[in-house]
Amino acid sequence: MVREIICPEKEEYVIRIPAEYINKKLEILILPLFEEKGECLIDKTAGVLKDKNIDPAEWQRKIRSEWD
């Protein structure tokens, strides 16, 4: 999978298709990125589950309780 976040300055943008995707059906989506004010959730949670001692379900309950 290739994911790229860009801030285009014109209407045209050229993308490079990786060799392993040649002659395969691809889906290309263009969506606006909705950024949250303050700390980005991705920045806050990136890599948090790499520690195998963390229970993903418990972690989800904890992080969701912060929104209440």
Protein backbone atom coordinates (compact mmCIF):
# COMPACT_ATOMS: atom_id res chain seq x y z
CA MET A 1 0.00 0.00 0.00
CA VAL A 2 1.18 3.50 -0.77
CA ARG A 3 -0.17 6.41 1.22
CA GLU A 4 1.01 9.93 0.79
CA ILE A 5 -0.22 13.14 2.38
CA ILE A 6 0.48 16.15 0.20
CA CYS A 7 -0.42 19.81 -0.05
CA PRO A 8 -0.74 20.40 -3.81
CA GLU A 9 -0.03 23.84 -5.20
CA LYS A 10 -1.71 23.20 -8.56
CA GLU A 11 -4.42 20.99 -10.06
CA GLU A 12 -2.05 18.42 -11.53
CA TYR A 13 0.01 15.95 -9.52
CA VAL A 14 2.12 13.10 -10.89
CA ILE A 15 2.28 9.86 -8.93
CA ARG A 16 4.77 6.99 -9.27
CA ILE A 17 3.22 3.52 -9.44
CA PRO A 18 5.40 0.90 -7.67
CA ALA A 19 6.57 -1.92 -9.96
CA GLU A 20 4.64 -4.57 -8.00
CA TYR A 21 1.37 -2.78 -8.83
CA ILE A 22 1.88 -2.74 -12.61
CA ASN A 23 -0.81 -4.68 -14.53
CA LYS A 24 -3.08 -4.80 -11.47
CA LYS A 25 -6.32 -2.98 -10.79
CA LEU A 26 -5.71 -0.01 -8.49
CA GLU A 27 -7.95 2.36 -6.60
CA ILE A 28 -6.77 5.94 -6.32
CA LEU A 29 -8.66 8.17 -3.87
CA ILE A 30 -8.30 11.89 -3.37
CA LEU A 31 -9.76 13.07 -0.07
CA PRO A 32 -9.25 16.20 2.00
CA LEU A 33 -7.32 15.64 5.21
CA PHE A 34 -9.29 16.87 8.19
CA GLU A 35 -6.78 17.87 10.81
CA GLU A 36 -7.79 18.11 14.43
CA LYS A 37 -6.87 21.19 16.37
CA GLY A 38 -4.18 20.58 18.94
CA GLU A 39 -2.35 17.27 19.16
CA CYS A 40 -2.90 14.95 16.21
CA LEU A 41 -4.39 11.58 17.21
CA ILE A 42 -1.97 9.77 14.91
CA ASP A 43 1.00 11.46 16.56
CA LYS A 44 -0.42 10.64 19.97
CA THR A 45 -0.98 6.94 19.25
CA ALA A 46 1.64 5.99 16.64
CA GLY A 47 3.59 2.95 17.80
CA VAL A 48 1.72 2.56 21.09
CA LEU A 49 0.81 -1.08 20.40
CA LYS A 50 4.36 -2.18 19.58
CA ASP A 51 4.75 -3.21 23.24
CA LYS A 52 3.28 -6.72 23.28
CA ASN A 53 2.22 -6.28 26.93
CA ILE A 54 -0.54 -3.86 25.92
CA ASP A 55 -4.05 -5.29 25.55
CA PRO A 56 -5.52 -3.53 22.48
CA ALA A 57 -9.09 -3.72 23.81
CA GLU A 58 -8.09 -2.21 27.17
CA TRP A 59 -6.10 0.51 25.39
CA GLN A 60 -9.16 1.40 23.26
CA ARG A 61 -11.39 1.62 26.33
CA LYS A 62 -8.85 3.90 28.04
CA ILE A 63 -8.40 6.24 25.08
CA ARG A 64 -12.15 6.45 24.46
CA SER A 65 -12.79 7.33 28.12
CA GLU A 66 -10.64 10.43 27.58
CA TRP A 67 -13.31 11.76 25.20
CA ASP A 68 -16.13 11.59 27.78
